[in-house]
Amino acid sequence: MLRNRTGEAIDDHEYPATTDELIEEYGDHVLELPNGSESVNDVLARLESETFEDSHEARLAIYSAVSRKAIGRVGYSDRDPTPVGSPYAPDAVSF
């Protein structure tokens, strides 16, 4: 997701750094998402102003604030049970 060297730039940034500083420096960088893209400015603008102690905190903030464009298939989970009556359900086993 942090392609076009955005992740590397954030890693190389001098910390601590505020949300506003990261927006000023990298706001025009574009994040490529499964269903579109959005700028670092748009992502970080969703957050309250805070100070990041290191690049790990900054990356987590960006990952947590991306929009629904970052979701592959909305509502899909490979962990949900197969719905009753689904043609894809496994054969019932009796013990």
PDB file of N, CA and C in Angstrom:
ATOM      1  N   MET A   1       0.823  -1.194   0.000  1.00  0.00           N
ATOM      2  CA  MET A   1       0.000   0.000   0.000  1.00  0.00           C
ATOM      3  C   MET A   1       0.869   1.260   0.000  1.00  0.00           C
ATOM      4  N   LEU A   2       1.947   1.266   0.752  1.00  0.00           N
ATOM      5  CA  LEU A   2       2.804   2.449   0.782  1.00  0.00           C
ATOM      6  C   LEU A   2       3.864   2.315  -0.306  1.00  0.00           C
ATOM      7  N   ARG A   3       3.384   2.325  -1.535  1.00  0.00           N
ATOM      8  CA  ARG A   3       4.298   2.214  -2.675  1.00  0.00           C
ATOM      9  C   ARG A   3       4.839   3.585  -3.039  1.00  0.00           C
ATOM     10  N   ASN A   4       5.417   3.695  -4.172  1.00  0.00           N
ATOM     11  CA  ASN A   4       6.018   4.916  -4.709  1.00  0.00           C
ATOM     12  C   ASN A   4       6.926   5.591  -3.681  1.00  0.00           C
ATOM     13  N   ARG A   5       7.574   4.760  -2.884  1.00  0.00           N
ATOM     14  CA  ARG A   5       8.577   5.187  -1.906  1.00  0.00           C
ATOM     15  C   ARG A   5       8.001   5.975  -0.735  1.00  0.00           C
ATOM     16  N   THR A   6       6.683   5.998  -0.591  1.00  0.00           N
ATOM     17  CA  THR A   6       6.076   6.707   0.542  1.00  0.00           C
ATOM     18  C   THR A   6       6.485   6.063   1.854  1.00  0.00           C
ATOM     19  N   GLY A   7       6.435   4.725   1.917  1.00  0.00           N
ATOM     20  CA  GLY A   7       6.829   4.036   3.139  1.00  0.00           C
ATOM     21  C   GLY A   7       8.269   4.305   3.511  1.00  0.00           C
ATOM     22  N   GLU A   8       9.149   4.285   2.531  1.00  0.00           N
ATOM     23  CA  GLU A   8      10.567   4.553   2.784  1.00  0.00           C
ATOM     24  C   GLU A   8      10.773   5.991   3.248  1.00  0.00           C
ATOM     25  N   ALA A   9      10.020   6.913   2.642  1.00  0.00           N
ATOM     26  CA  ALA A   9      10.133   8.321   3.039  1.00  0.00           C
ATOM     27  C   ALA A   9       9.679   8.504   4.482  1.00  0.00           C
ATOM     28  N   ILE A  10       8.591   7.843   4.848  1.00  0.00           N
ATOM     29  CA  ILE A  10       8.102   7.943   6.219  1.00  0.00           C
ATOM     30  C   ILE A  10       9.105   7.299   7.183  1.00  0.00           C
ATOM     31  N   ASP A  11       9.684   6.193   6.776  1.00  0.00           N
ATOM     32  CA  ASP A  11      10.697   5.540   7.617  1.00  0.00           C
ATOM     33  C   ASP A  11      11.919   6.432   7.817  1.00  0.00           C
ATOM     34  N   ASP A  12      12.300   7.170   6.788  1.00  0.00           N
ATOM     35  CA  ASP A  12      13.491   8.011   6.850  1.00  0.00           C
ATOM     36  C   ASP A  12      13.236   9.371   7.501  1.00  0.00           C
ATOM     37  N   HIS A  13      11.974   9.692   7.728  1.00  0.00           N
ATOM     38  CA  HIS A  13      11.625  10.987   8.324  1.00  0.00           C
ATOM     39  C   HIS A  13      12.192  11.072   9.742  1.00  0.00           C
ATOM     40  N   GLU A  14      12.480  12.281  10.182  1.00  0.00           N
ATOM     41  CA  GLU A  14      13.012  12.486  11.520  1.00  0.00           C
ATOM     42  C   GLU A  14      11.862  12.554  12.527  1.00  0.00           C
ATOM     43  N   TYR A  15      11.961  11.750  13.583  1.00  0.00           N
ATOM     44  CA  TYR A  15      10.921  11.671  14.604  1.00  0.00           C
ATOM     45  C   TYR A  15      11.455  12.167  15.930  1.00  0.00           C
ATOM     46  N   PRO A  16      10.557  12.651  16.801  1.00  0.00           N
ATOM     47  CA  PRO A  16       9.105  12.672  16.717  1.00  0.00           C
ATOM     48  C   PRO A  16       8.619  13.649  15.649  1.00  0.00           C
ATOM     49  N   ALA A  17       7.438  13.353  15.124  1.00  0.00           N
ATOM     50  CA  ALA A  17       6.829  14.181  14.081  1.00  0.00           C
ATOM     51  C   ALA A  17       5.328  14.239  14.318  1.00  0.00           C
ATOM     52  N   THR A  18       4.741  15.360  13.992  1.00  0.00           N
ATOM     53  CA  THR A  18       3.296  15.531  14.173  1.00  0.00           C
ATOM     54  C   THR A  18       2.554  15.139  12.900  1.00  0.00           C
ATOM     55  N   THR A  19       1.261  14.955  13.063  1.00  0.00           N
ATOM     56  CA  THR A  19       0.402  14.668  11.918  1.00  0.00           C
ATOM     57  C   THR A  19       0.540  15.767  10.872  1.00  0.00           C
ATOM     58  N   ASP A  20       0.509  17.015  11.323  1.00  0.00           N
ATOM     59  CA  ASP A  20       0.613  18.148  10.396  1.00  0.00           C
ATOM     60  C   ASP A  20       1.943  18.167   9.645  1.00  0.00           C
ATOM     61  N   GLU A  21       3.021  17.800  10.315  1.00  0.00           N
ATOM     62  CA  GLU A  21       4.329  17.761   9.652  1.00  0.00           C
ATOM     63  C   GLU A  21       4.351  16.695   8.560  1.00  0.00           C
ATOM     64  N   LEU A  22       3.766  15.528   8.852  1.00  0.00           N
ATOM     65  CA  LEU A  22       3.735  14.465   7.845  1.00  0.00           C
ATOM     66  C   LEU A  22       2.840  14.850   6.675  1.00  0.00           C
ATOM     67  N   ILE A  23       1.732  15.524   6.952  1.00  0.00           N
ATOM     68  CA  ILE A  23       0.857  15.979   5.868  1.00  0.00           C
ATOM     69  C   ILE A  23       1.589  16.983   4.993  1.00  0.00           C
ATOM     70  N   GLU A  24       2.290  17.909   5.628  1.00  0.00           N
ATOM     71  CA  GLU A  24       3.024  18.923   4.870  1.00  0.00           C
ATOM     72  C   GLU A  24       4.099  18.296   3.984  1.00  0.00           C
ATOM     73  N   GLU A  25       4.789  17.304   4.527  1.00  0.00           N
ATOM     74  CA  GLU A  25       5.905  16.690   3.809  1.00  0.00           C
ATOM     75  C   GLU A  25       5.457  15.664   2.768  1.00  0.00           C
ATOM     76  N   TYR A  26       4.447  14.847   3.098  1.00  0.00           N
ATOM     77  CA  TYR A  26       4.089  13.719   2.235  1.00  0.00           C
ATOM     78  C   TYR A  26       2.623  13.726   1.791  1.00  0.00           C
ATOM     79  N   GLY A  27       1.924  14.803   2.046  1.00  0.00           N
ATOM     80  CA  GLY A  27       0.491  14.865   1.747  1.00  0.00           C
ATOM     81  C   GLY A  27       0.127  14.596   0.307  1.00  0.00           C
ATOM     82  N   ASP A  28       1.008  14.908  -0.617  1.00  0.00           N
ATOM     83  CA  ASP A  28       0.704  14.701  -2.034  1.00  0.00           C
ATOM     84  C   ASP A  28       1.048  13.289  -2.518  1.00  0.00           C
ATOM     85  N   HIS A  29       1.662  12.468  -1.671  1.00  0.00           N
ATOM     86  CA  HIS A  29       1.940  11.076  -2.044  1.00  0.00           C
ATOM     87  C   HIS A  29       0.625  10.321  -2.156  1.00  0.00           C
ATOM     88  N   VAL A  30       0.519   9.467  -3.148  1.00  0.00           N
ATOM     89  CA  VAL A  30      -0.707   8.719  -3.402  1.00  0.00           C
ATOM     90  C   VAL A  30      -0.552   7.274  -2.952  1.00  0.00           C
ATOM     91  N   LEU A  31      -1.529   6.795  -2.198  1.00  0.00           N
ATOM     92  CA  LEU A  31      -1.544   5.400  -1.751  1.00  0.00           C
ATOM     93  C   LEU A  31      -2.421   4.615  -2.713  1.00  0.00           C
ATOM     94  N   GLU A  32      -1.869   3.564  -3.271  1.00  0.00           N
ATOM     95  CA  GLU A  32      -2.625   2.701  -4.175  1.00  0.00           C
ATOM     96  C   GLU A  32      -3.357   1.661  -3.340  1.00  0.00           C
ATOM     97  N   LEU A  33      -4.670   1.627  -3.469  1.00  0.00           N
ATOM     98  CA  LEU A  33      -5.511   0.725  -2.691  1.00  0.00           C
ATOM     99  C   LEU A  33      -6.223  -0.241  -3.619  1.00  0.00           C
ATOM    100  N   PRO A  34      -6.742  -1.356  -3.102  1.00  0.00           N
ATOM    101  CA  PRO A  34      -7.404  -2.340  -3.969  1.00  0.00           C
ATOM    102  C   PRO A  34      -8.537  -1.755  -4.815  1.00  0.00           C
ATOM    103  N   ASN A  35      -9.226  -0.751  -4.283  1.00  0.00           N
ATOM    104  CA  ASN A  35     -10.363  -0.179  -5.008  1.00  0.00           C
ATOM    105  C   ASN A  35     -10.189   1.303  -5.281  1.00  0.00           C
ATOM    106  N   GLY A  36      -9.009   1.704  -5.674  1.00  0.00           N
ATOM    107  CA  GLY A  36      -8.760   3.111  -5.988  1.00  0.00           C
ATOM    108  C   GLY A  36      -7.488   3.593  -5.328  1.00  0.00           C
ATOM    109  N   SER A  37      -7.453   4.867  -5.055  1.00  0.00           N
ATOM    110  CA  SER A  37      -6.282   5.457  -4.416  1.00  0.00           C
ATOM    111  C   SER A  37      -6.727   6.676  -3.620  1.00  0.00           C
ATOM    112  N   GLU A  38      -5.858   7.122  -2.726  1.00  0.00           N
ATOM    113  CA  GLU A  38      -6.092   8.365  -2.005  1.00  0.00           C
ATOM    114  C   GLU A  38      -4.763   8.906  -1.516  1.00  0.00           C
ATOM    115  N   SER A  39      -4.739  10.178  -1.247  1.00  0.00           N
ATOM    116  CA  SER A  39      -3.493  10.823  -0.857  1.00  0.00           C
ATOM    117  C   SER A  39      -3.241  10.659   0.641  1.00  0.00           C
ATOM    118  N   VAL A  40      -1.988  10.772   1.015  1.00  0.00           N
ATOM    119  CA  VAL A  40      -1.616  10.735   2.424  1.00  0.00           C
ATOM    120  C   VAL A  40      -2.318  11.874   3.153  1.00  0.00           C
ATOM    121  N   ASN A  41      -2.481  13.010   2.487  1.00  0.00           N
ATOM    122  CA  ASN A  41      -3.196  14.137   3.079  1.00  0.00           C
ATOM    123  C   ASN A  41      -4.614  13.735   3.457  1.00  0.00           C
ATOM    124  N   ASP A  42      -5.344  13.097   2.546  1.00  0.00           N
ATOM    125  CA  ASP A  42      -6.718  12.673   2.821  1.00  0.00           C
ATOM    126  C   ASP A  42      -6.770  11.688   3.985  1.00  0.00           C
ATOM    127  N   VAL A  43      -5.822  10.782   4.025  1.00  0.00           N
ATOM    128  CA  VAL A  43      -5.800   9.758   5.073  1.00  0.00           C
ATOM    129  C   VAL A  43      -5.517  10.381   6.436  1.00  0.00           C
ATOM    130  N   LEU A  44      -4.432  11.139   6.536  1.00  0.00           N
ATOM    131  CA  LEU A  44      -4.049  11.700   7.829  1.00  0.00           C
ATOM    132  C   LEU A  44      -4.990  12.799   8.295  1.00  0.00           C
ATOM    133  N   ALA A  45      -5.689  13.446   7.369  1.00  0.00           N
ATOM    134  CA  ALA A  45      -6.645  14.495   7.749  1.00  0.00           C
ATOM    135  C   ALA A  45      -7.821  13.911   8.532  1.00  0.00           C
ATOM    136  N   ARG A  46      -8.051  12.617   8.442  1.00  0.00           N
ATOM    137  CA  ARG A  46      -9.129  11.965   9.198  1.00  0.00           C
ATOM    138  C   ARG A  46      -8.796  11.825  10.677  1.00  0.00           C
ATOM    139  N   LEU A  47      -7.528  11.962  11.003  1.00  0.00           N
ATOM    140  CA  LEU A  47      -7.079  11.767  12.377  1.00  0.00           C
ATOM    141  C   LEU A  47      -6.970  13.084  13.120  1.00  0.00           C
ATOM    142  N   GLU A  48      -7.071  12.985  14.441  1.00  0.00           N
ATOM    143  CA  GLU A  48      -6.781  14.157  15.259  1.00  0.00           C
ATOM    144  C   GLU A  48      -5.275  14.381  15.230  1.00  0.00           C
ATOM    145  N   SER A  49      -4.875  15.588  15.499  1.00  0.00           N
ATOM    146  CA  SER A  49      -3.450  15.898  15.498  1.00  0.00           C
ATOM    147  C   SER A  49      -2.762  15.142  16.636  1.00  0.00           C
ATOM    148  N   GLU A  50      -1.685  14.476  16.306  1.00  0.00           N
ATOM    149  CA  GLU A  50      -0.923  13.745  17.309  1.00  0.00           C
ATOM    150  C   GLU A  50       0.555  13.776  16.947  1.00  0.00           C
ATOM    151  N   THR A  51       1.361  13.319  17.868  1.00  0.00           N
ATOM    152  CA  THR A  51       2.802  13.247  17.653  1.00  0.00           C
ATOM    153  C   THR A  51       3.206  11.785  17.597  1.00  0.00           C
ATOM    154  N   PHE A  52       3.921  11.427  16.540  1.00  0.00           N
ATOM    155  CA  PHE A  52       4.397  10.061  16.348  1.00  0.00           C
ATOM    156  C   PHE A  52       5.841   9.991  16.822  1.00  0.00           C
ATOM    157  N   GLU A  53       6.126   9.007  17.659  1.00  0.00           N
ATOM    158  CA  GLU A  53       7.468   8.849  18.202  1.00  0.00           C
ATOM    159  C   GLU A  53       8.425   8.187  17.224  1.00  0.00           C
ATOM    160  N   ASP A  54       7.871   7.393  16.291  1.00  0.00           N
ATOM    161  CA  ASP A  54       8.718   6.712  15.313  1.00  0.00           C
ATOM    162  C   ASP A  54       7.905   6.378  14.063  1.00  0.00           C
ATOM    163  N   SER A  55       8.582   5.834  13.072  1.00  0.00           N
ATOM    164  CA  SER A  55       7.917   5.540  11.800  1.00  0.00           C
ATOM    165  C   SER A  55       6.870   4.442  11.943  1.00  0.00           C
ATOM    166  N   HIS A  56       7.082   3.539  12.879  1.00  0.00           N
ATOM    167  CA  HIS A  56       6.107   2.466  13.098  1.00  0.00           C
ATOM    168  C   HIS A  56       4.750   3.061  13.502  1.00  0.00           C
ATOM    169  N   GLU A  57       4.752   4.024  14.405  1.00  0.00           N
ATOM    170  CA  GLU A  57       3.508   4.682  14.813  1.00  0.00           C
ATOM    171  C   GLU A  57       2.867   5.415  13.647  1.00  0.00           C
ATOM    172  N   ALA A  58       3.672   6.073  12.826  1.00  0.00           N
ATOM    173  CA  ALA A  58       3.144   6.812  11.679  1.00  0.00           C
ATOM    174  C   ALA A  58       2.510   5.861  10.670  1.00  0.00           C
ATOM    175  N   ARG A  59       3.179   4.745  10.388  1.00  0.00           N
ATOM    176  CA  ARG A  59       2.623   3.759   9.449  1.00  0.00           C
ATOM    177  C   ARG A  59       1.310   3.184   9.973  1.00  0.00           C
ATOM    178  N   LEU A  60       1.265   2.847  11.258  1.00  0.00           N
ATOM    179  CA  LEU A  60       0.034   2.302  11.831  1.00  0.00           C
ATOM    180  C   LEU A  60      -1.116   3.304  11.722  1.00  0.00           C
ATOM    181  N   ALA A  61      -0.822   4.579  11.929  1.00  0.00           N
ATOM    182  CA  ALA A  61      -1.849   5.609  11.806  1.00  0.00           C
ATOM    183  C   ALA A  61      -2.380   5.661  10.374  1.00  0.00           C
ATOM    184  N   ILE A  62      -1.498   5.595   9.407  1.00  0.00           N
ATOM    185  CA  ILE A  62      -1.923   5.629   8.002  1.00  0.00           C
ATOM    186  C   ILE A  62      -2.739   4.388   7.675  1.00  0.00           C
ATOM    187  N   TYR A  63      -2.265   3.217   8.079  1.00  0.00           N
ATOM    188  CA  TYR A  63      -2.995   1.981   7.800  1.00  0.00           C
ATOM    189  C   TYR A  63      -4.381   1.991   8.432  1.00  0.00           C
ATOM    190  N   SER A  64      -4.499   2.562   9.620  1.00  0.00           N
ATOM    191  CA  SER A  64      -5.783   2.540  10.316  1.00  0.00           C
ATOM    192  C   SER A  64      -6.758   3.592   9.796  1.00  0.00           C
ATOM    193  N   ALA A  65      -6.282   4.562   9.054  1.00  0.00           N
ATOM    194  CA  ALA A  65      -7.154   5.659   8.630  1.00  0.00           C
ATOM    195  C   ALA A  65      -7.531   5.622   7.146  1.00  0.00           C
ATOM    196  N   VAL A  66      -7.097   4.621   6.409  1.00  0.00           N
ATOM    197  CA  VAL A  66      -7.483   4.560   4.998  1.00  0.00           C
ATOM    198  C   VAL A  66      -8.981   4.303   4.889  1.00  0.00           C
ATOM    199  N   SER A  67      -9.550   4.681   3.778  1.00  0.00           N
ATOM    200  CA  SER A  67     -10.988   4.550   3.572  1.00  0.00           C
ATOM    201  C   SER A  67     -11.380   3.131   3.162  1.00  0.00           C
ATOM    202  N   ARG A  68     -12.646   2.978   2.824  1.00  0.00           N
ATOM    203  CA  ARG A  68     -13.158   1.685   2.367  1.00  0.00           C
ATOM    204  C   ARG A  68     -12.507   1.241   1.065  1.00  0.00           C
ATOM    205  N   LYS A  69     -11.821   2.140   0.403  1.00  0.00           N
ATOM    206  CA  LYS A  69     -11.124   1.766  -0.828  1.00  0.00           C
ATOM    207  C   LYS A  69     -10.036   0.722  -0.552  1.00  0.00           C
ATOM    208  N   ALA A  70      -9.638   0.592   0.705  1.00  0.00           N
ATOM    209  CA  ALA A  70      -8.599  -0.364   1.067  1.00  0.00           C
ATOM    210  C   ALA A  70      -9.160  -1.767   1.308  1.00  0.00           C
ATOM    211  N   ILE A  71     -10.474  -1.884   1.341  1.00  0.00           N
ATOM    212  CA  ILE A  71     -11.099  -3.183   1.577  1.00  0.00           C
ATOM    213  C   ILE A  71     -11.273  -3.875   0.240  1.00  0.00           C
ATOM    214  N   GLY A  72     -10.791  -5.099   0.146  1.00  0.00           N
ATOM    215  CA  GLY A  72     -10.932  -5.858  -1.095  1.00  0.00           C
ATOM    216  C   GLY A  72     -12.391  -6.041  -1.458  1.00  0.00           C
ATOM    217  N   ARG A  73     -13.012  -7.078  -0.926  1.00  0.00           N
ATOM    218  CA  ARG A  73     -14.428  -7.333  -1.163  1.00  0.00           C
ATOM    219  C   ARG A  73     -15.180  -6.969   0.100  1.00  0.00           C
ATOM    220  N   VAL A  74     -16.005  -5.947   0.033  1.00  0.00           N
ATOM    221  CA  VAL A  74     -16.733  -5.466   1.197  1.00  0.00           C
ATOM    222  C   VAL A  74     -17.648  -6.568   1.718  1.00  0.00           C
ATOM    223  N   GLY A  75     -17.584  -6.826   3.018  1.00  0.00           N
ATOM    224  CA  GLY A  75     -18.421  -7.816   3.653  1.00  0.00           C
ATOM    225  C   GLY A  75     -17.920  -9.242   3.525  1.00  0.00           C
ATOM    226  N   TYR A  76     -16.816  -9.446   2.849  1.00  0.00           N
ATOM    227  CA  TYR A  76     -16.295 -10.800   2.640  1.00  0.00           C
ATOM    228  C   TYR A  76     -15.352 -11.186   3.762  1.00  0.00           C
ATOM    229  N   SER A  77     -15.469 -12.395   4.208  1.00  0.00           N
ATOM    230  CA  SER A  77     -14.525 -12.955   5.159  1.00  0.00           C
ATOM    231  C   SER A  77     -14.410 -14.446   4.891  1.00  0.00           C
ATOM    232  N   ASP A  78     -13.203 -14.936   4.791  1.00  0.00           N
ATOM    233  CA  ASP A  78     -13.030 -16.366   4.585  1.00  0.00           C
ATOM    234  C   ASP A  78     -13.150 -17.130   5.897  1.00  0.00           C
ATOM    235  N   ARG A  79     -13.462 -16.421   6.966  1.00  0.00           N
ATOM    236  CA  ARG A  79     -13.609 -17.065   8.265  1.00  0.00           C
ATOM    237  C   ARG A  79     -15.070 -17.263   8.656  1.00  0.00           C
ATOM    238  N   ASP A  80     -15.976 -16.703   7.910  1.00  0.00           N
ATOM    239  CA  ASP A  80     -17.394 -16.869   8.218  1.00  0.00           C
ATOM    240  C   ASP A  80     -17.831 -18.288   7.889  1.00  0.00           C
ATOM    241  N   PRO A  81     -18.785 -18.819   8.662  1.00  0.00           N
ATOM    242  CA  PRO A  81     -19.290 -20.151   8.319  1.00  0.00           C
ATOM    243  C   PRO A  81     -20.078 -20.093   7.015  1.00  0.00           C
ATOM    244  N   THR A  82     -20.166 -21.219   6.350  1.00  0.00           N
ATOM    245  CA  THR A  82     -20.932 -21.303   5.117  1.00  0.00           C
ATOM    246  C   THR A  82     -22.415 -21.144   5.463  1.00  0.00           C
ATOM    247  N   PRO A  83     -23.137 -20.271   4.773  1.00  0.00           N
ATOM    248  CA  PRO A  83     -24.558 -20.077   5.076  1.00  0.00           C
ATOM    249  C   PRO A  83     -25.364 -21.364   4.850  1.00  0.00           C
ATOM    250  N   VAL A  84     -26.384 -21.547   5.669  1.00  0.00           N
ATOM    251  CA  VAL A  84     -27.252 -22.712   5.542  1.00  0.00           C
ATOM    252  C   VAL A  84     -27.891 -22.719   4.166  1.00  0.00           C
ATOM    253  N   GLY A  85     -27.885 -23.859   3.526  1.00  0.00           N
ATOM    254  CA  GLY A  85     -28.497 -23.991   2.211  1.00  0.00           C
ATOM    255  C   GLY A  85     -27.598 -23.597   1.060  1.00  0.00           C
ATOM    256  N   SER A  86     -26.381 -23.194   1.337  1.00  0.00           N
ATOM    257  CA  SER A  86     -25.462 -22.795   0.279  1.00  0.00           C
ATOM    258  C   SER A  86     -25.046 -24.012  -0.534  1.00  0.00           C
ATOM    259  N   PRO A  87     -24.991 -23.864  -1.855  1.00  0.00           N
ATOM    260  CA  PRO A  87     -24.529 -24.984  -2.679  1.00  0.00           C
ATOM    261  C   PRO A  87     -23.047 -25.285  -2.465  1.00  0.00           C
ATOM    262  N   TYR A  88     -22.344 -24.418  -1.792  1.00  0.00           N
ATOM    263  CA  TYR A  88     -20.912 -24.610  -1.558  1.00  0.00           C
ATOM    264  C   TYR A  88     -20.620 -25.209  -0.193  1.00  0.00           C
ATOM    265  N   ALA A  89     -21.662 -25.523   0.562  1.00  0.00           N
ATOM    266  CA  ALA A  89     -21.478 -26.087   1.896  1.00  0.00           C
ATOM    267  C   ALA A  89     -20.880 -27.488   1.791  1.00  0.00           C
ATOM    268  N   PRO A  90     -20.017 -27.854   2.720  1.00  0.00           N
ATOM    269  CA  PRO A  90     -19.468 -29.214   2.698  1.00  0.00           C
ATOM    270  C   PRO A  90     -20.548 -30.216   3.070  1.00  0.00           C
ATOM    271  N   ASP A  91     -20.335 -31.463   2.727  1.00  0.00           N
ATOM    272  CA  ASP A  91     -21.296 -32.506   3.061  1.00  0.00           C
ATOM    273  C   ASP A  91     -21.384 -32.652   4.572  1.00  0.00           C
ATOM    274  N   ALA A  92     -22.600 -32.804   5.079  1.00  0.00           N
ATOM    275  CA  ALA A  92     -22.802 -32.974   6.515  1.00  0.00           C
ATOM    276  C   ALA A  92     -22.220 -34.296   6.964  1.00  0.00           C
ATOM    277  N   VAL A  93     -21.603 -34.297   8.125  1.00  0.00           N
ATOM    278  CA  VAL A  93     -21.013 -35.503   8.688  1.00  0.00           C
ATOM    279  C   VAL A  93     -21.679 -35.768  10.032  1.00  0.00           C
ATOM    280  N   SER A  94     -22.111 -36.983  10.255  1.00  0.00           N
ATOM    281  CA  SER A  94     -22.744 -37.346  11.518  1.00  0.00           C
ATOM    282  C   SER A  94     -21.776 -38.207  12.307  1.00  0.00           C
ATOM    283  N   PHE A  95     -21.665 -37.943  13.583  1.00  0.00           N
ATOM    284  CA  PHE A  95     -20.751 -38.708  14.424  1.00  0.00           C
ATOM    285  C   PHE A  95     -21.504 -39.714  15.243  1.00  0.00           C
TER     286      PHE A  95
END
